[in-house]
Amino acid sequence: LSGERFMCHVESLDTLFEARCRTLYSHLRKLEVDMIDIFEVWLARLFVGFLEYDIVLRIIDVFLLEGSKVLFRFGLAAMMMHKESLLKCRTGSQLKTYLAKLMRTRTRAK
């Protein structure tokens, strides 16, 4: 993908997130967290470093079969899986720390 096309995908995921997860989206906006930055990393790495390796391989397999819409589904699902914990975060820094910790836990990194 070209850089411009890639950013269109990132922005599409952000738009879907806003439409499907309004409460969480509003909360993150209040905390001044720019989800585009987070989604950009997830999509650029195809969730490597966020999800366990075997799950990432499944995502890539389905991505090759169905295209980018799969990445949107997994991105939204990842946010929804952790909705309650993310809503408990009171600062943007706390939220980013939570996501970083989650990444280390999910990938068993130290």
C-alpha atoms as a PDB file:
ATOM      1  CA  LEU A   1       0.000   0.000   0.000  1.00  0.00           C
ATOM      2  CA  SER A   2       1.082   3.545  -0.628  1.00  0.00           C
ATOM      3  CA  GLY A   3       1.401   5.832   2.383  1.00  0.00           C
ATOM      4  CA  GLU A   4      -1.725   7.743   1.386  1.00  0.00           C
ATOM      5  CA  ARG A   5      -3.778   4.600   0.887  1.00  0.00           C
ATOM      6  CA  PHE A   6      -2.514   3.153   4.170  1.00  0.00           C
ATOM      7  CA  MET A   7      -3.618   6.288   6.041  1.00  0.00           C
ATOM      8  CA  CYS A   8      -7.052   5.975   4.413  1.00  0.00           C
ATOM      9  CA  HIS A   9      -7.295   2.504   5.970  1.00  0.00           C
ATOM     10  CA  VAL A  10      -6.227   3.859   9.365  1.00  0.00           C
ATOM     11  CA  GLU A  11      -8.770   6.665   9.158  1.00  0.00           C
ATOM     12  CA  SER A  12     -11.464   4.195   8.071  1.00  0.00           C
ATOM     13  CA  LEU A  13     -10.798   2.107  11.175  1.00  0.00           C
ATOM     14  CA  ASP A  14     -11.028   5.239  13.307  1.00  0.00           C
ATOM     15  CA  THR A  15     -14.367   6.143  11.682  1.00  0.00           C
ATOM     16  CA  LEU A  16     -15.711   2.631  12.255  1.00  0.00           C
ATOM     17  CA  PHE A  17     -14.522   2.764  15.858  1.00  0.00           C
ATOM     18  CA  GLU A  18     -16.391   6.035  16.370  1.00  0.00           C
ATOM     19  CA  ALA A  19     -19.582   4.598  14.840  1.00  0.00           C
ATOM     20  CA  ARG A  20     -19.523   1.208  16.576  1.00  0.00           C
ATOM     21  CA  CYS A  21     -18.002   2.054  19.964  1.00  0.00           C
ATOM     22  CA  ARG A  22     -19.355   5.512  20.731  1.00  0.00           C
ATOM     23  CA  THR A  23     -18.985   5.383  24.513  1.00  0.00           C
ATOM     24  CA  LEU A  24     -15.391   4.236  24.368  1.00  0.00           C
ATOM     25  CA  TYR A  25     -14.575   6.592  21.497  1.00  0.00           C
ATOM     26  CA  SER A  26     -15.970   9.561  23.433  1.00  0.00           C
ATOM     27  CA  HIS A  27     -14.034   8.554  26.534  1.00  0.00           C
ATOM     28  CA  LEU A  28     -10.779   8.377  24.592  1.00  0.00           C
ATOM     29  CA  ARG A  29     -11.462  11.749  22.992  1.00  0.00           C
ATOM     30  CA  LYS A  30     -11.984  13.209  26.477  1.00  0.00           C
ATOM     31  CA  LEU A  31      -8.605  11.809  27.471  1.00  0.00           C
ATOM     32  CA  GLU A  32      -7.124  13.365  24.317  1.00  0.00           C
ATOM     33  CA  VAL A  33      -5.952   9.979  23.034  1.00  0.00           C
ATOM     34  CA  ASP A  34      -5.573   9.951  19.265  1.00  0.00           C
ATOM     35  CA  MET A  35      -6.605   6.465  18.249  1.00  0.00           C
ATOM     36  CA  ILE A  36      -5.265   7.055  14.760  1.00  0.00           C
ATOM     37  CA  ASP A  37      -1.740   6.809  16.209  1.00  0.00           C
ATOM     38  CA  ILE A  38      -2.564   3.498  17.887  1.00  0.00           C
ATOM     39  CA  PHE A  39      -4.441   2.078  14.894  1.00  0.00           C
ATOM     40  CA  GLU A  40      -1.578   3.095  12.621  1.00  0.00           C
ATOM     41  CA  VAL A  41       0.843   0.934  14.610  1.00  0.00           C
ATOM     42  CA  TRP A  42      -1.589  -1.998  14.764  1.00  0.00           C
ATOM     43  CA  LEU A  43      -2.255  -1.990  11.027  1.00  0.00           C
ATOM     44  CA  ALA A  44       1.365  -1.360  10.022  1.00  0.00           C
ATOM     45  CA  ARG A  45       2.463  -4.348  12.108  1.00  0.00           C
ATOM     46  CA  LEU A  46      -0.639  -6.449  11.351  1.00  0.00           C
ATOM     47  CA  PHE A  47      -1.148  -6.698  15.139  1.00  0.00           C
ATOM     48  CA  VAL A  48       2.292  -8.253  15.693  1.00  0.00           C
ATOM     49  CA  GLY A  49       3.327  -7.262  19.195  1.00  0.00           C
ATOM     50  CA  PHE A  50      -0.254  -6.798  20.315  1.00  0.00           C
ATOM     51  CA  LEU A  51      -1.675 -10.288  19.923  1.00  0.00           C
ATOM     52  CA  GLU A  52      -0.163 -13.713  20.359  1.00  0.00           C
ATOM     53  CA  TYR A  53       1.773 -14.982  17.367  1.00  0.00           C
ATOM     54  CA  ASP A  54      -0.622 -17.813  16.480  1.00  0.00           C
ATOM     55  CA  ILE A  55      -3.537 -15.361  16.425  1.00  0.00           C
ATOM     56  CA  VAL A  56      -1.567 -12.956  14.230  1.00  0.00           C
ATOM     57  CA  LEU A  57      -0.951 -15.784  11.771  1.00  0.00           C
ATOM     58  CA  ARG A  58      -4.687 -16.454  11.616  1.00  0.00           C
ATOM     59  CA  ILE A  59      -5.378 -12.767  11.039  1.00  0.00           C
ATOM     60  CA  ILE A  60      -2.859 -12.680   8.195  1.00  0.00           C
ATOM     61  CA  ASP A  61      -4.371 -15.831   6.699  1.00  0.00           C
ATOM     62  CA  VAL A  62      -7.880 -14.341   6.706  1.00  0.00           C
ATOM     63  CA  PHE A  63      -6.495 -10.969   5.549  1.00  0.00           C
ATOM     64  CA  LEU A  64      -4.999 -12.641   2.476  1.00  0.00           C
ATOM     65  CA  LEU A  65      -8.324 -14.303   1.767  1.00  0.00           C
ATOM     66  CA  GLU A  66     -10.761 -11.437   2.503  1.00  0.00           C
ATOM     67  CA  GLY A  67      -8.729  -8.231   2.399  1.00  0.00           C
ATOM     68  CA  SER A  68      -8.386  -5.217   4.687  1.00  0.00           C
ATOM     69  CA  LYS A  69     -11.899  -5.417   6.151  1.00  0.00           C
ATOM     70  CA  VAL A  70     -10.554  -8.226   8.341  1.00  0.00           C
ATOM     71  CA  LEU A  71      -8.061  -5.851   9.928  1.00  0.00           C
ATOM     72  CA  PHE A  72     -10.891  -3.472  10.767  1.00  0.00           C
ATOM     73  CA  ARG A  73     -12.859  -6.281  12.408  1.00  0.00           C
ATOM     74  CA  PHE A  74      -9.928  -7.359  14.545  1.00  0.00           C
ATOM     75  CA  GLY A  75      -9.098  -3.773  15.493  1.00  0.00           C
ATOM     76  CA  LEU A  76     -12.648  -3.139  16.657  1.00  0.00           C
ATOM     77  CA  ALA A  77     -12.799  -6.493  18.433  1.00  0.00           C
ATOM     78  CA  ALA A  78      -9.566  -5.745  20.294  1.00  0.00           C
ATOM     79  CA  MET A  79     -10.980  -2.459  21.556  1.00  0.00           C
ATOM     80  CA  MET A  80     -14.305  -4.032  22.525  1.00  0.00           C
ATOM     81  CA  MET A  81     -12.597  -6.893  24.380  1.00  0.00           C
ATOM     82  CA  HIS A  82     -10.958  -4.357  26.669  1.00  0.00           C
ATOM     83  CA  LYS A  83     -13.724  -1.761  26.745  1.00  0.00           C
ATOM     84  CA  GLU A  84     -14.413  -1.938  30.489  1.00  0.00           C
ATOM     85  CA  SER A  85     -10.749  -1.621  31.433  1.00  0.00           C
ATOM     86  CA  LEU A  86     -10.196   1.211  28.958  1.00  0.00           C
ATOM     87  CA  LEU A  87     -13.202   3.102  30.340  1.00  0.00           C
ATOM     88  CA  LYS A  88     -11.619   2.925  33.816  1.00  0.00           C
ATOM     89  CA  CYS A  89      -8.522   4.815  32.629  1.00  0.00           C
ATOM     90  CA  ARG A  90      -8.567   8.413  33.852  1.00  0.00           C
ATOM     91  CA  THR A  91      -5.730   9.875  31.783  1.00  0.00           C
ATOM     92  CA  GLY A  92      -4.378   9.390  28.304  1.00  0.00           C
ATOM     93  CA  SER A  93      -1.075   8.307  29.781  1.00  0.00           C
ATOM     94  CA  GLN A  94      -2.803   5.677  31.910  1.00  0.00           C
ATOM     95  CA  LEU A  95      -4.620   4.345  28.850  1.00  0.00           C
ATOM     96  CA  LYS A  96      -1.455   4.121  26.763  1.00  0.00           C
ATOM     97  CA  THR A  97       0.315   2.384  29.667  1.00  0.00           C
ATOM     98  CA  TYR A  98      -2.557  -0.093  29.908  1.00  0.00           C
ATOM     99  CA  LEU A  99      -2.359  -0.864  26.178  1.00  0.00           C
ATOM    100  CA  ALA A 100       1.433  -1.248  26.348  1.00  0.00           C
ATOM    101  CA  LYS A 101       1.136  -3.598  29.338  1.00  0.00           C
ATOM    102  CA  LEU A 102      -1.538  -5.539  27.519  1.00  0.00           C
ATOM    103  CA  MET A 103       0.767  -5.915  24.528  1.00  0.00           C
ATOM    104  CA  ARG A 104       3.569  -7.291  26.704  1.00  0.00           C
ATOM    105  CA  THR A 105       1.171  -9.679  28.471  1.00  0.00           C
ATOM    106  CA  ARG A 106      -0.434 -10.956  25.281  1.00  0.00           C
ATOM    107  CA  THR A 107       2.894 -11.594  23.578  1.00  0.00           C
ATOM    108  CA  ARG A 108       4.592 -12.886  26.727  1.00  0.00           C
ATOM    109  CA  ALA A 109       7.325 -10.265  26.241  1.00  0.00           C
ATOM    110  CA  LYS A 110       9.296  -9.050  29.244  1.00  0.00           C
END
